[in-house]
Amino acid sequence: ALHTALGPSGQTASNRRIRVAGQLRQLCASVGAAPTLASIRVLKDVTAHAEHLDVDPAQIAAAHAVLQRGRALSAVLASTSQEELERAVQAAERTGIDADELTQLARNSQDRIAEVQRKAAAQRRLRSAIAWVSREKTDALRRAIVEAQEVGLEHGEVQKAVEVLESYTKGSDAQHSTSLSAFLRQAKPTWSGQSLEAALAKLACVGIATVPDLHEALTHPDDHHLNERLRVSEQKVFSDETLRAFRSNLRQLS
């Protein structure tokens, strides 16, 4: 990005200084109007180059001020939690940013954070409902699907949940009529409730929420496919004994 901003080499020092000064003015205007992480990085690099070329110190100082303001505003806009947003706002206040502008940006970030949190909560409930669904208990999954649709959860995940629900309400094979939680309980009857919940959670982390999902992972040509997926997601892998129990239970359902 810096090379693109500064243009071709082979110019005299004076010409390079003029060119970089002009680029610095453009970047300051851009970052000042709508700061982004990418534009801030480019402005930082161009400012450093401008200092090396002895561009007017007043222009350098102005660029540093824009950088400081841009970083502060960017931190507000990029906040992912209420706590992080509060810290970013406090830091931005110390830079002298207009209070009304900062208040509006903080409100926008609060709305975005709330939306992200609503989607995350709906996703957790949807995945949990899929894991615990059975032919006799489908109400929780119905509610979770409605909520997921209302908050605009990714269509593919909602559609998968709808298909799971239909497999229980319309009738299907033994794999579909057994919930994942029931399957794990059958395969590992000595597991505590806590162990069962932990297994369901880490399977959900790799997109496994139904018995057919698990069947697909366990019948992969690579016997270690499931555990590799868990490792990539930084989840604890299953022991060989547990995998054998899963496969044995799948054969009984087939």
Protein backbone atom coordinates (compact mmCIF):
# COMPACT_ATOMS: atom_id res chain seq x y z
CA ALA A 1 0.00 0.00 0.00
CA LEU A 2 2.87 2.36 0.83
CA HIS A 3 4.58 1.75 -2.54
CA THR A 4 1.29 2.46 -4.35
CA ALA A 5 0.77 5.62 -2.31
CA LEU A 6 4.26 6.99 -2.95
CA GLY A 7 4.43 6.20 -6.66
CA PRO A 8 7.45 5.34 -8.83
CA SER A 9 11.04 5.69 -7.72
CA GLY A 10 13.78 7.47 -9.64
CA GLN A 11 12.64 11.00 -8.73
CA THR A 12 14.77 13.75 -7.22
CA ALA A 13 14.61 14.28 -3.47
CA SER A 14 12.71 17.53 -4.02
CA ASN A 15 10.18 15.88 -6.30
CA ARG A 16 9.74 12.99 -3.88
CA ARG A 17 9.20 15.46 -1.05
CA ILE A 18 6.52 17.31 -3.02
CA ARG A 19 4.83 14.10 -4.06
CA VAL A 20 4.81 12.67 -0.52
CA ALA A 21 3.56 15.95 0.91
CA GLY A 22 0.64 15.87 -1.50
CA GLN A 23 -0.07 12.25 -0.69
CA LEU A 24 0.07 13.11 3.01
CA ARG A 25 -2.55 15.85 2.57
CA GLN A 26 -4.87 13.47 0.72
CA LEU A 27 -4.50 10.73 3.32
CA CYS A 28 -5.06 13.15 6.19
CA ALA A 29 -8.29 14.31 4.57
CA SER A 30 -9.39 10.71 3.97
CA VAL A 31 -8.58 9.47 7.46
CA GLY A 32 -10.02 12.61 9.01
CA ALA A 33 -13.35 12.08 7.24
CA ALA A 34 -13.71 8.30 7.60
CA PRO A 35 -10.90 6.48 9.40
CA THR A 36 -10.37 2.79 8.72
CA LEU A 37 -7.66 0.45 9.98
CA ALA A 38 -6.24 0.14 6.46
CA SER A 39 -6.13 3.89 5.77
CA ILE A 40 -4.61 4.55 9.20
CA ARG A 41 -1.81 2.06 8.50
CA VAL A 42 -1.05 3.72 5.16
CA LEU A 43 -1.08 7.19 6.74
CA LYS A 44 1.30 6.00 9.44
CA ASP A 45 3.74 4.67 6.83
CA VAL A 46 3.50 7.76 4.64
CA THR A 47 4.00 10.02 7.66
CA ALA A 48 7.17 8.13 8.60
CA HIS A 49 8.43 8.46 5.02
CA ALA A 50 7.56 12.14 4.99
CA GLU A 51 9.61 12.64 8.14
CA HIS A 52 12.55 10.91 6.45
CA LEU A 53 12.25 13.29 3.48
CA ASP A 54 12.07 16.36 5.77
CA VAL A 55 8.57 17.35 4.70
CA ASP A 56 7.29 20.54 6.39
CA PRO A 57 7.23 19.86 10.20
CA ALA A 58 3.84 21.56 10.51
CA GLN A 59 2.36 19.12 8.01
CA ILE A 60 4.00 16.21 9.85
CA ALA A 61 2.53 17.43 13.14
CA ALA A 62 -0.90 17.73 11.53
CA ALA A 63 -0.58 14.17 10.22
CA HIS A 64 0.27 12.87 13.68
CA ALA A 65 -2.80 14.65 15.07
CA VAL A 66 -4.98 13.04 12.40
CA LEU A 67 -3.43 9.66 13.19
CA GLN A 68 -4.16 10.06 16.89
CA ARG A 69 -7.76 11.04 16.18
CA GLY A 70 -8.19 8.30 13.60
CA ARG A 71 -6.88 5.60 15.93
CA ALA A 72 -9.22 6.78 18.68
CA LEU A 73 -12.28 6.79 16.42
CA SER A 74 -11.32 3.47 14.83
CA ALA A 75 -11.08 1.89 18.28
CA VAL A 76 -14.60 3.08 19.06
CA LEU A 77 -15.96 1.72 15.79
CA ALA A 78 -14.14 -1.62 16.12
CA SER A 79 -15.16 -2.34 19.73
CA THR A 80 -16.61 -5.83 20.21
CA SER A 81 -18.00 -5.49 23.74
CA GLN A 82 -19.53 -2.82 25.96
CA GLU A 83 -16.45 -2.82 28.20
CA GLU A 84 -14.12 -2.36 25.23
CA LEU A 85 -16.34 0.41 23.88
CA GLU A 86 -16.28 2.29 27.18
CA ARG A 87 -12.48 2.18 27.27
CA ALA A 88 -12.28 3.34 23.65
CA VAL A 89 -14.65 6.25 24.29
CA GLN A 90 -12.65 7.36 27.32
CA ALA A 91 -9.44 7.27 25.27
CA ALA A 92 -11.12 9.20 22.45
CA GLU A 93 -12.35 11.87 24.87
CA ARG A 94 -8.75 12.54 25.88
CA THR A 95 -7.87 13.39 22.27
CA GLY A 96 -10.37 16.23 22.22
CA ILE A 97 -12.76 14.72 19.70
CA ASP A 98 -16.08 16.57 19.44
CA ALA A 99 -18.42 15.24 22.13
CA ASP A 100 -21.49 15.12 19.88
CA GLU A 101 -19.62 13.21 17.16
CA LEU A 102 -18.21 10.78 19.71
CA THR A 103 -21.63 10.22 21.28
CA GLN A 104 -23.15 9.35 17.90
CA LEU A 105 -20.32 6.98 17.03
CA ALA A 106 -20.64 5.29 20.42
CA ARG A 107 -24.38 4.81 19.87
CA ASN A 108 -23.72 3.25 16.47
CA SER A 109 -21.18 0.90 18.01
CA GLN A 110 -23.57 -0.02 20.82
CA ASP A 111 -26.23 -0.94 18.28
CA ARG A 112 -23.74 -3.03 16.31
CA ILE A 113 -22.44 -4.80 19.43
CA ALA A 114 -25.99 -5.55 20.59
CA GLU A 115 -26.83 -7.02 17.19
CA VAL A 116 -23.72 -9.21 17.21
CA GLN A 117 -24.52 -10.41 20.71
CA ARG A 118 -28.14 -11.19 19.77
CA LYS A 119 -26.96 -13.25 16.82
CA ALA A 120 -24.37 -15.08 18.94
CA ALA A 121 -26.97 -15.90 21.59
CA ALA A 122 -29.45 -17.09 18.96
CA GLN A 123 -26.76 -19.26 17.38
CA ARG A 124 -25.90 -20.86 20.73
CA ARG A 125 -29.57 -21.60 21.42
CA LEU A 126 -30.08 -22.99 17.92
CA ARG A 127 -27.10 -25.33 18.17
CA SER A 128 -28.12 -26.46 21.63
CA ALA A 129 -31.68 -27.11 20.46
CA ILE A 130 -30.40 -29.20 17.55
CA ALA A 131 -28.17 -31.22 19.85
CA TRP A 132 -31.01 -32.00 22.27
CA VAL A 133 -33.91 -32.43 19.84
CA SER A 134 -35.84 -35.69 19.76
CA ARG A 135 -39.05 -36.88 18.11
CA GLU A 136 -40.96 -36.10 21.32
CA LYS A 137 -39.23 -32.76 21.97
CA THR A 138 -39.17 -30.38 19.00
CA ASP A 139 -40.67 -27.21 20.51
CA ALA A 140 -37.30 -25.80 21.63
CA LEU A 141 -35.88 -26.23 18.14
CA ARG A 142 -38.93 -24.57 16.57
CA ARG A 143 -38.49 -21.56 18.87
CA ALA A 144 -34.77 -21.41 18.21
CA ILE A 145 -35.33 -21.43 14.44
CA VAL A 146 -37.84 -18.57 14.67
CA GLU A 147 -35.43 -16.54 16.81
CA ALA A 148 -32.52 -17.25 14.43
CA GLN A 149 -34.58 -16.05 11.48
CA GLU A 150 -35.65 -12.90 13.33
CA VAL A 151 -32.07 -11.85 14.15
CA GLY A 152 -30.84 -12.65 10.63
CA LEU A 153 -28.59 -15.57 11.45
CA GLU A 154 -26.65 -16.99 8.48
CA HIS A 155 -29.12 -18.67 6.13
CA GLY A 156 -27.19 -21.93 5.75
CA GLU A 157 -27.19 -22.60 9.47
CA VAL A 158 -30.90 -21.86 9.81
CA GLN A 159 -31.71 -24.05 6.82
CA LYS A 160 -29.78 -26.92 8.35
CA ALA A 161 -31.82 -26.56 11.54
CA VAL A 162 -35.04 -26.57 9.50
CA GLU A 163 -33.95 -29.79 7.80
CA VAL A 164 -33.18 -31.39 11.17
CA LEU A 165 -36.62 -30.39 12.45
CA GLU A 166 -38.31 -31.80 9.37
CA SER A 167 -36.47 -35.10 9.82
CA TYR A 168 -38.09 -35.48 13.24
CA THR A 169 -41.55 -34.27 12.31
CA LYS A 170 -41.87 -36.13 9.01
CA GLY A 171 -40.17 -39.34 10.08
CA SER A 172 -36.77 -40.60 9.01
CA ASP A 173 -34.24 -43.30 9.69
CA ALA A 174 -32.80 -44.28 13.06
CA GLN A 175 -29.92 -41.82 12.82
CA HIS A 176 -32.28 -38.87 12.38
CA SER A 177 -34.74 -40.02 15.02
CA THR A 178 -32.01 -40.16 17.66
CA SER A 179 -30.81 -36.84 19.05
CA LEU A 180 -27.07 -36.28 19.27
CA SER A 181 -27.26 -36.06 23.05
CA ALA A 182 -29.14 -39.38 23.22
CA PHE A 183 -26.61 -40.95 20.86
CA LEU A 184 -23.68 -39.85 23.01
CA ARG A 185 -25.46 -41.12 26.12
CA GLN A 186 -26.00 -44.51 24.45
CA ALA A 187 -22.40 -44.71 23.28
CA LYS A 188 -20.93 -43.57 26.61
CA PRO A 189 -23.43 -44.49 29.36
CA THR A 190 -20.89 -43.82 32.11
CA TRP A 191 -20.39 -40.18 31.14
CA SER A 192 -21.52 -37.60 33.66
CA GLY A 193 -23.88 -34.81 32.63
CA GLN A 194 -20.91 -32.46 32.58
CA SER A 195 -18.94 -34.73 30.25
CA LEU A 196 -21.93 -35.02 27.95
CA GLU A 197 -22.36 -31.23 27.80
CA ALA A 198 -18.63 -30.79 27.09
CA ALA A 199 -18.78 -33.30 24.23
CA LEU A 200 -21.84 -31.61 22.70
CA ALA A 201 -20.17 -28.20 22.99
CA LYS A 202 -16.94 -29.16 21.26
CA LEU A 203 -18.78 -31.04 18.52
CA ALA A 204 -20.88 -27.91 17.93
CA CYS A 205 -17.65 -25.93 17.55
CA VAL A 206 -16.80 -27.98 14.46
CA GLY A 207 -20.31 -27.90 12.99
CA ILE A 208 -21.51 -31.29 14.26
CA ALA A 209 -25.01 -31.00 15.71
CA THR A 210 -26.77 -34.18 14.58
CA VAL A 211 -26.06 -37.91 14.44
CA PRO A 212 -25.75 -37.80 10.61
CA ASP A 213 -23.15 -35.03 11.01
CA LEU A 214 -21.19 -37.25 13.39
CA HIS A 215 -21.63 -40.25 11.11
CA GLU A 216 -20.14 -38.29 8.20
CA ALA A 217 -17.11 -37.28 10.29
CA LEU A 218 -16.53 -40.78 11.67
CA THR A 219 -16.82 -42.53 8.30
CA HIS A 220 -14.35 -40.20 6.62
CA PRO A 221 -11.50 -42.10 4.85
CA ASP A 222 -9.11 -40.53 7.36
CA ASP A 223 -9.77 -42.21 10.73
CA HIS A 224 -8.42 -39.11 12.47
CA HIS A 225 -10.65 -36.66 10.55
CA LEU A 226 -12.89 -35.78 13.52
CA ASN A 227 -10.02 -35.20 15.93
CA GLU A 228 -8.17 -33.12 13.35
CA ARG A 229 -11.20 -30.86 13.04
CA LEU A 230 -11.26 -30.53 16.81
CA ARG A 231 -7.55 -29.69 16.94
CA VAL A 232 -7.96 -26.97 14.32
CA SER A 233 -10.71 -25.44 16.49
CA GLU A 234 -8.47 -25.77 19.56
CA GLN A 235 -10.80 -28.30 21.19
CA LYS A 236 -9.78 -31.34 23.22
CA VAL A 237 -9.80 -34.46 21.03
CA PHE A 238 -11.68 -37.68 21.77
CA SER A 239 -9.77 -40.74 22.94
CA ASP A 240 -9.48 -43.79 20.68
CA GLU A 241 -11.76 -45.69 23.08
CA THR A 242 -14.45 -43.02 22.78
CA LEU A 243 -14.24 -43.00 18.98
CA ARG A 244 -14.62 -46.78 18.95
CA ALA A 245 -17.71 -46.46 21.14
CA PHE A 246 -19.17 -43.88 18.75
CA ARG A 247 -18.55 -46.07 15.72
CA SER A 248 -19.99 -49.12 17.47
CA ASN A 249 -23.17 -47.23 18.31
CA LEU A 250 -23.46 -45.99 14.72
CA ARG A 251 -23.33 -49.57 13.44
CA GLN A 252 -26.22 -50.47 15.75
CA LEU A 253 -28.28 -47.60 14.31
CA SER A 254 -27.52 -48.53 10.69
